[in-house]
Amino acid sequence: MRVLSSGGVIINNNLILLLKKYNGDYVLPKGRIERGESIQEAALREVKEESGITGEIKKYLGKIEYSFINKVRNIRIDKTVHFFLMSTKDTHTKPQSMEGFKTAKFYERDEAIKLMKYSQEREIIRKAIEEYDREKNEEK
């Protein structure tokens, strides 16, 4: 079964938003693209739903792909997640506990990379930092 999702790397004053799940894993906000929704709309919606943060899309960062077995339904899921660099002035988070998130918090760049459970999400964060720095340098 193929699943398309979208999410964001949200940066505020050089800090990166991470969600901590109840099992202790740190992840980026992301989720399924709903029917009739663009990948940008889905990314903004998922960030807001999962973290309480309103983001503003700055740039498309790319996609990651992975597969896993849904143990409840005993089927293989092939997932593609599109990520966007987002900025926000919002700092008040509200993690979506019903989706399994314990906290939504901004972290220093290096700490955010170290905390991430999945290597592909670590790479997306690195790419987001490069793009963020490039954008900041162009503004000077």
N, C-alpha and C. Protein backbone atom coordinates (compact mmCIF):
# COMPACT_ATOMS: atom_id res chain seq x y z
N MET A 1 0.85 -1.18 0.00
CA MET A 1 0.00 0.00 0.00
C MET A 1 0.89 1.24 0.00
N ARG A 2 0.61 2.18 -0.90
CA ARG A 2 1.38 3.43 -0.98
C ARG A 2 0.69 4.52 -0.17
N VAL A 3 1.51 5.27 0.58
CA VAL A 3 1.00 6.38 1.37
C VAL A 3 1.83 7.62 1.06
N LEU A 4 1.15 8.72 0.74
CA LEU A 4 1.83 9.99 0.50
C LEU A 4 1.59 10.91 1.68
N SER A 5 2.69 11.49 2.18
CA SER A 5 2.62 12.39 3.33
C SER A 5 3.41 13.65 3.05
N SER A 6 3.25 14.61 3.94
CA SER A 6 3.93 15.88 3.81
C SER A 6 4.19 16.44 5.20
N GLY A 7 5.29 17.19 5.33
CA GLY A 7 5.62 17.75 6.64
C GLY A 7 6.58 18.90 6.53
N GLY A 8 7.08 19.34 7.69
CA GLY A 8 7.94 20.50 7.68
C GLY A 8 9.07 20.45 8.68
N VAL A 9 10.13 21.19 8.34
CA VAL A 9 11.21 21.51 9.27
C VAL A 9 10.98 22.98 9.61
N ILE A 10 10.56 23.23 10.85
CA ILE A 10 10.17 24.56 11.27
C ILE A 10 11.31 25.19 12.05
N ILE A 11 11.75 26.38 11.59
CA ILE A 11 12.86 27.07 12.24
C ILE A 11 12.38 28.42 12.76
N ASN A 12 12.72 28.69 14.02
CA ASN A 12 12.42 29.97 14.66
C ASN A 12 13.67 30.42 15.39
N ASN A 13 14.28 31.53 14.94
CA ASN A 13 15.50 32.05 15.56
C ASN A 13 16.58 30.98 15.70
N ASN A 14 16.83 30.27 14.62
CA ASN A 14 17.86 29.21 14.58
C ASN A 14 17.50 27.97 15.38
N LEU A 15 16.33 27.90 15.96
CA LEU A 15 15.89 26.72 16.70
C LEU A 15 14.95 25.90 15.83
N ILE A 16 15.01 24.57 16.01
CA ILE A 16 14.24 23.64 15.17
C ILE A 16 13.20 22.92 16.01
N LEU A 17 11.98 22.87 15.48
CA LEU A 17 10.87 22.22 16.17
C LEU A 17 10.92 20.71 15.99
N LEU A 18 10.89 19.99 17.11
CA LEU A 18 10.79 18.53 17.09
C LEU A 18 9.61 18.10 17.94
N LEU A 19 9.02 16.98 17.55
CA LEU A 19 7.97 16.36 18.34
C LEU A 19 8.57 15.15 19.05
N LYS A 20 8.24 14.99 20.33
CA LYS A 20 8.67 13.80 21.06
C LYS A 20 7.45 12.92 21.28
N LYS A 21 7.57 11.67 20.82
CA LYS A 21 6.47 10.72 20.97
C LYS A 21 6.51 10.12 22.38
N TYR A 22 5.41 9.52 22.79
CA TYR A 22 5.35 8.90 24.11
C TYR A 22 6.36 7.77 24.26
N ASN A 23 6.77 7.15 23.14
CA ASN A 23 7.77 6.08 23.22
C ASN A 23 9.20 6.62 23.30
N GLY A 24 9.35 7.96 23.28
CA GLY A 24 10.67 8.58 23.41
C GLY A 24 11.32 8.98 22.10
N ASP A 25 10.75 8.58 20.96
CA ASP A 25 11.32 8.94 19.66
C ASP A 25 11.05 10.41 19.34
N TYR A 26 12.05 11.05 18.73
CA TYR A 26 11.90 12.42 18.24
C TYR A 26 11.68 12.37 16.73
N VAL A 27 10.68 13.12 16.26
CA VAL A 27 10.33 13.13 14.84
C VAL A 27 9.97 14.55 14.40
N LEU A 28 9.91 14.73 13.09
CA LEU A 28 9.41 15.97 12.51
C LEU A 28 7.90 15.87 12.31
N PRO A 29 7.18 16.99 12.37
CA PRO A 29 5.74 16.92 12.11
C PRO A 29 5.47 16.58 10.64
N LYS A 30 4.59 15.62 10.45
CA LYS A 30 4.25 15.17 9.09
C LYS A 30 2.99 14.32 9.16
N GLY A 31 2.34 14.14 8.02
CA GLY A 31 1.16 13.29 7.99
C GLY A 31 0.60 13.15 6.59
N ARG A 32 -0.43 12.35 6.48
CA ARG A 32 -1.03 12.02 5.18
C ARG A 32 -1.60 13.23 4.47
N ILE A 33 -1.45 13.19 3.16
CA ILE A 33 -2.06 14.20 2.30
C ILE A 33 -3.51 13.78 2.07
N GLU A 34 -4.42 14.66 2.38
CA GLU A 34 -5.84 14.35 2.21
C GLU A 34 -6.29 14.60 0.78
N ARG A 35 -7.36 13.93 0.38
CA ARG A 35 -7.89 14.07 -0.98
C ARG A 35 -8.17 15.55 -1.29
N GLY A 36 -7.69 16.00 -2.46
CA GLY A 36 -7.92 17.37 -2.89
C GLY A 36 -6.95 18.38 -2.30
N GLU A 37 -5.99 17.91 -1.52
CA GLU A 37 -5.05 18.79 -0.83
C GLU A 37 -3.70 18.76 -1.54
N SER A 38 -3.05 19.91 -1.66
CA SER A 38 -1.69 19.95 -2.23
C SER A 38 -0.69 19.51 -1.15
N ILE A 39 0.53 19.19 -1.58
CA ILE A 39 1.54 18.79 -0.59
C ILE A 39 1.87 19.96 0.34
N GLN A 40 1.80 21.18 -0.17
CA GLN A 40 2.05 22.36 0.66
C GLN A 40 0.95 22.53 1.71
N GLU A 41 -0.30 22.40 1.28
CA GLU A 41 -1.43 22.53 2.21
C GLU A 41 -1.37 21.45 3.29
N ALA A 42 -1.03 20.24 2.89
CA ALA A 42 -0.93 19.14 3.85
C ALA A 42 0.18 19.40 4.87
N ALA A 43 1.32 19.89 4.39
CA ALA A 43 2.45 20.16 5.29
C ALA A 43 2.06 21.21 6.33
N LEU A 44 1.45 22.30 5.89
CA LEU A 44 1.04 23.35 6.82
C LEU A 44 0.00 22.84 7.82
N ARG A 45 -0.96 22.07 7.33
CA ARG A 45 -2.02 21.53 8.19
C ARG A 45 -1.44 20.58 9.23
N GLU A 46 -0.57 19.66 8.78
CA GLU A 46 0.01 18.68 9.70
C GLU A 46 0.87 19.34 10.78
N VAL A 47 1.65 20.34 10.38
CA VAL A 47 2.47 21.06 11.37
C VAL A 47 1.56 21.69 12.42
N LYS A 48 0.49 22.34 11.97
CA LYS A 48 -0.44 23.00 12.90
C LYS A 48 -1.14 21.97 13.79
N GLU A 49 -1.63 20.88 13.19
CA GLU A 49 -2.35 19.87 13.97
C GLU A 49 -1.46 19.20 15.00
N GLU A 50 -0.25 18.83 14.60
CA GLU A 50 0.60 18.03 15.48
C GLU A 50 1.36 18.85 16.52
N SER A 51 1.63 20.14 16.20
CA SER A 51 2.46 20.93 17.11
C SER A 51 1.79 22.19 17.65
N GLY A 52 0.71 22.63 17.00
CA GLY A 52 0.08 23.89 17.38
C GLY A 52 0.75 25.10 16.76
N ILE A 53 1.79 24.89 15.97
CA ILE A 53 2.56 25.98 15.36
C ILE A 53 2.03 26.30 13.96
N THR A 54 1.90 27.60 13.67
CA THR A 54 1.55 28.04 12.33
C THR A 54 2.84 28.36 11.59
N GLY A 55 3.11 27.61 10.54
CA GLY A 55 4.33 27.80 9.77
C GLY A 55 4.08 28.56 8.48
N GLU A 56 5.18 29.05 7.91
CA GLU A 56 5.15 29.70 6.60
C GLU A 56 6.19 28.99 5.73
N ILE A 57 5.73 28.44 4.61
CA ILE A 57 6.64 27.69 3.73
C ILE A 57 7.63 28.62 3.06
N LYS A 58 8.91 28.23 3.13
CA LYS A 58 10.00 28.98 2.50
C LYS A 58 10.54 28.26 1.27
N LYS A 59 10.65 26.93 1.35
CA LYS A 59 11.27 26.19 0.25
C LYS A 59 10.96 24.69 0.38
N TYR A 60 10.85 24.04 -0.78
CA TYR A 60 10.72 22.59 -0.81
C TYR A 60 12.09 21.98 -0.56
N LEU A 61 12.18 21.03 0.37
CA LEU A 61 13.45 20.41 0.73
C LEU A 61 13.70 19.08 0.05
N GLY A 62 12.64 18.42 -0.38
CA GLY A 62 12.80 17.10 -0.99
C GLY A 62 11.90 16.09 -0.32
N LYS A 63 12.11 14.83 -0.69
CA LYS A 63 11.27 13.77 -0.14
C LYS A 63 12.14 12.65 0.41
N ILE A 64 11.54 11.91 1.34
CA ILE A 64 12.17 10.69 1.84
C ILE A 64 11.19 9.55 1.58
N GLU A 65 11.74 8.35 1.42
CA GLU A 65 10.90 7.18 1.18
C GLU A 65 11.36 6.05 2.09
N TYR A 66 10.39 5.33 2.63
CA TYR A 66 10.70 4.18 3.47
C TYR A 66 9.51 3.24 3.48
N SER A 67 9.75 2.03 3.96
CA SER A 67 8.71 1.01 4.04
C SER A 67 8.68 0.42 5.44
N PHE A 68 7.52 -0.04 5.84
CA PHE A 68 7.37 -0.73 7.12
C PHE A 68 6.15 -1.64 7.05
N ILE A 69 6.06 -2.53 8.01
CA ILE A 69 4.92 -3.45 8.10
C ILE A 69 3.94 -2.93 9.14
N ASN A 70 2.69 -2.73 8.73
CA ASN A 70 1.63 -2.39 9.66
C ASN A 70 1.22 -3.70 10.33
N LYS A 71 1.61 -3.85 11.60
CA LYS A 71 1.40 -5.13 12.30
C LYS A 71 -0.08 -5.41 12.57
N VAL A 72 -0.87 -4.37 12.73
CA VAL A 72 -2.30 -4.55 12.99
C VAL A 72 -3.00 -5.14 11.77
N ARG A 73 -2.69 -4.57 10.58
CA ARG A 73 -3.34 -5.02 9.35
C ARG A 73 -2.49 -6.02 8.57
N ASN A 74 -1.27 -6.26 9.04
CA ASN A 74 -0.33 -7.19 8.41
C ASN A 74 -0.13 -6.89 6.92
N ILE A 75 0.14 -5.59 6.63
CA ILE A 75 0.43 -5.20 5.25
C ILE A 75 1.67 -4.31 5.22
N ARG A 76 2.33 -4.34 4.09
CA ARG A 76 3.51 -3.49 3.89
C ARG A 76 3.04 -2.10 3.44
N ILE A 77 3.60 -1.08 4.08
CA ILE A 77 3.31 0.31 3.74
C ILE A 77 4.56 0.90 3.10
N ASP A 78 4.43 1.43 1.90
CA ASP A 78 5.51 2.15 1.22
C ASP A 78 5.15 3.63 1.32
N LYS A 79 5.96 4.37 2.08
CA LYS A 79 5.62 5.75 2.39
C LYS A 79 6.59 6.74 1.73
N THR A 80 6.03 7.79 1.16
CA THR A 80 6.80 8.92 0.63
C THR A 80 6.38 10.15 1.42
N VAL A 81 7.37 10.87 1.96
CA VAL A 81 7.09 12.08 2.73
C VAL A 81 7.81 13.26 2.09
N HIS A 82 7.05 14.28 1.70
CA HIS A 82 7.60 15.52 1.15
C HIS A 82 7.81 16.50 2.31
N PHE A 83 8.99 17.15 2.33
CA PHE A 83 9.30 18.09 3.41
C PHE A 83 9.55 19.49 2.88
N PHE A 84 9.12 20.47 3.67
CA PHE A 84 9.31 21.89 3.36
C PHE A 84 10.04 22.57 4.51
N LEU A 85 10.91 23.51 4.15
CA LEU A 85 11.49 24.41 5.14
C LEU A 85 10.41 25.44 5.46
N MET A 86 10.16 25.64 6.75
CA MET A 86 9.16 26.61 7.19
C MET A 86 9.76 27.52 8.25
N SER A 87 9.26 28.73 8.28
CA SER A 87 9.63 29.64 9.36
C SER A 87 8.37 29.92 10.18
N THR A 88 8.59 30.42 11.38
CA THR A 88 7.47 30.80 12.23
C THR A 88 7.95 31.83 13.24
N LYS A 89 7.04 32.65 13.68
CA LYS A 89 7.32 33.55 14.79
C LYS A 89 6.64 33.00 16.04
N ASP A 90 5.85 31.98 15.83
CA ASP A 90 5.07 31.31 16.87
C ASP A 90 6.02 30.49 17.76
N THR A 91 5.87 30.60 19.07
CA THR A 91 6.69 29.78 19.97
C THR A 91 5.84 28.95 20.93
N HIS A 92 4.54 29.20 20.94
CA HIS A 92 3.66 28.45 21.84
C HIS A 92 3.22 27.15 21.16
N THR A 93 3.71 26.04 21.67
CA THR A 93 3.38 24.74 21.07
C THR A 93 2.24 24.07 21.83
N LYS A 94 1.56 23.19 21.11
CA LYS A 94 0.48 22.39 21.70
C LYS A 94 0.52 21.02 21.02
N PRO A 95 1.32 20.08 21.58
CA PRO A 95 1.44 18.77 20.94
C PRO A 95 0.12 18.01 20.91
N GLN A 96 -0.10 17.29 19.83
CA GLN A 96 -1.33 16.52 19.65
C GLN A 96 -1.18 15.17 20.36
N SER A 97 -1.63 15.12 21.60
CA SER A 97 -1.44 13.92 22.41
C SER A 97 -2.20 12.71 21.85
N MET A 98 -3.33 12.94 21.18
CA MET A 98 -4.09 11.82 20.62
C MET A 98 -3.34 11.11 19.50
N GLU A 99 -2.36 11.81 18.90
CA GLU A 99 -1.53 11.21 17.85
C GLU A 99 -0.25 10.61 18.44
N GLY A 100 -0.13 10.65 19.76
CA GLY A 100 1.02 10.04 20.42
C GLY A 100 2.19 10.96 20.69
N PHE A 101 1.96 12.28 20.66
CA PHE A 101 3.04 13.23 20.90
C PHE A 101 2.99 13.76 22.33
N LYS A 102 4.12 13.62 23.01
CA LYS A 102 4.24 14.07 24.39
C LYS A 102 4.62 15.55 24.47
N THR A 103 5.59 15.95 23.64
CA THR A 103 6.02 17.35 23.63
C THR A 103 6.26 17.83 22.20
N ALA A 104 6.17 19.14 22.03
CA ALA A 104 6.57 19.83 20.80
C ALA A 104 7.43 20.98 21.28
N LYS A 105 8.71 20.95 20.91
CA LYS A 105 9.66 21.89 21.50
C LYS A 105 10.72 22.29 20.48
N PHE A 106 11.24 23.52 20.62
CA PHE A 106 12.32 23.99 19.76
C PHE A 106 13.66 23.65 20.38
N TYR A 107 14.58 23.16 19.54
CA TYR A 107 15.91 22.74 20.00
C TYR A 107 17.00 23.43 19.19
N GLU A 108 18.18 23.58 19.82
CA GLU A 108 19.36 24.05 19.09
C GLU A 108 19.62 23.09 17.94
N ARG A 109 20.21 23.59 16.87
CA ARG A 109 20.42 22.80 15.65
C ARG A 109 21.12 21.47 15.89
N ASP A 110 22.29 21.51 16.52
CA ASP A 110 23.07 20.28 16.73
C ASP A 110 22.31 19.28 17.59
N GLU A 111 21.64 19.78 18.61
CA GLU A 111 20.87 18.90 19.48
C GLU A 111 19.71 18.27 18.71
N ALA A 112 19.05 19.05 17.87
CA ALA A 112 17.93 18.54 17.08
C ALA A 112 18.39 17.38 16.19
N ILE A 113 19.54 17.55 15.55
CA ILE A 113 20.06 16.49 14.67
C ILE A 113 20.37 15.24 15.48
N LYS A 114 20.99 15.41 16.64
CA LYS A 114 21.35 14.25 17.49
C LYS A 114 20.12 13.52 18.02
N LEU A 115 19.08 14.27 18.35
CA LEU A 115 17.88 13.66 18.94
C LEU A 115 17.04 12.85 17.96
N MET A 116 17.13 13.18 16.68
CA MET A 116 16.27 12.52 15.69
C MET A 116 16.48 11.02 15.65
N LYS A 117 15.40 10.28 15.61
CA LYS A 117 15.49 8.81 15.54
C LYS A 117 15.92 8.33 14.16
N TYR A 118 15.39 8.95 13.11
CA TYR A 118 15.59 8.42 11.76
C TYR A 118 16.63 9.23 10.99
N SER A 119 17.56 8.51 10.36
CA SER A 119 18.67 9.15 9.64
C SER A 119 18.17 10.02 8.49
N GLN A 120 17.13 9.59 7.80
CA GLN A 120 16.62 10.39 6.68
C GLN A 120 16.06 11.74 7.16
N GLU A 121 15.45 11.74 8.33
CA GLU A 121 14.96 13.01 8.88
C GLU A 121 16.13 13.87 9.36
N ARG A 122 17.20 13.26 9.85
CA ARG A 122 18.41 14.02 10.20
C ARG A 122 18.95 14.73 8.97
N GLU A 123 18.98 14.03 7.83
CA GLU A 123 19.47 14.63 6.58
C GLU A 123 18.57 15.77 6.11
N ILE A 124 17.28 15.62 6.26
CA ILE A 124 16.35 16.69 5.89
C ILE A 124 16.59 17.92 6.77
N ILE A 125 16.86 17.71 8.06
CA ILE A 125 17.17 18.84 8.95
C ILE A 125 18.46 19.52 8.50
N ARG A 126 19.48 18.74 8.16
CA ARG A 126 20.74 19.34 7.68
C ARG A 126 20.51 20.19 6.43
N LYS A 127 19.70 19.67 5.53
CA LYS A 127 19.39 20.41 4.30
C LYS A 127 18.62 21.69 4.63
N ALA A 128 17.69 21.61 5.57
CA ALA A 128 16.91 22.78 5.98
C ALA A 128 17.83 23.85 6.57
N ILE A 129 18.80 23.44 7.38
CA ILE A 129 19.75 24.39 7.98
C ILE A 129 20.56 25.08 6.89
N GLU A 130 21.04 24.32 5.90
CA GLU A 130 21.79 24.91 4.78
C GLU A 130 20.95 25.95 4.05
N GLU A 131 19.71 25.61 3.75
CA GLU A 131 18.82 26.54 3.04
C GLU A 131 18.50 27.77 3.88
N TYR A 132 18.27 27.56 5.16
CA TYR A 132 17.97 28.66 6.08
C TYR A 132 19.15 29.62 6.14
N ASP A 133 20.37 29.07 6.27
CA ASP A 133 21.58 29.91 6.33
C ASP A 133 21.78 30.65 5.01
N ARG A 134 21.56 29.98 3.90
CA ARG A 134 21.70 30.61 2.58
C ARG A 134 20.74 31.80 2.46
N GLU A 135 19.50 31.57 2.88
CA GLU A 135 18.48 32.62 2.83
C GLU A 135 18.86 33.81 3.71
N LYS A 136 19.36 33.52 4.91
CA LYS A 136 19.77 34.58 5.85
C LYS A 136 20.93 35.39 5.27
N ASN A 137 21.89 34.71 4.64
CA ASN A 137 23.04 35.41 4.05
C ASN A 137 22.63 36.28 2.88
N GLU A 138 21.64 35.84 2.11
CA GLU A 138 21.16 36.63 0.98
C GLU A 138 20.41 37.89 1.44
N GLU A 139 19.84 37.84 2.64
CA GLU A 139 19.11 38.99 3.18
C GLU A 139 20.06 40.09 3.62
N LYS A 140 21.32 39.74 3.92
CA LYS A 140 22.30 40.72 4.44
C LYS A 140 22.78 41.65 3.37
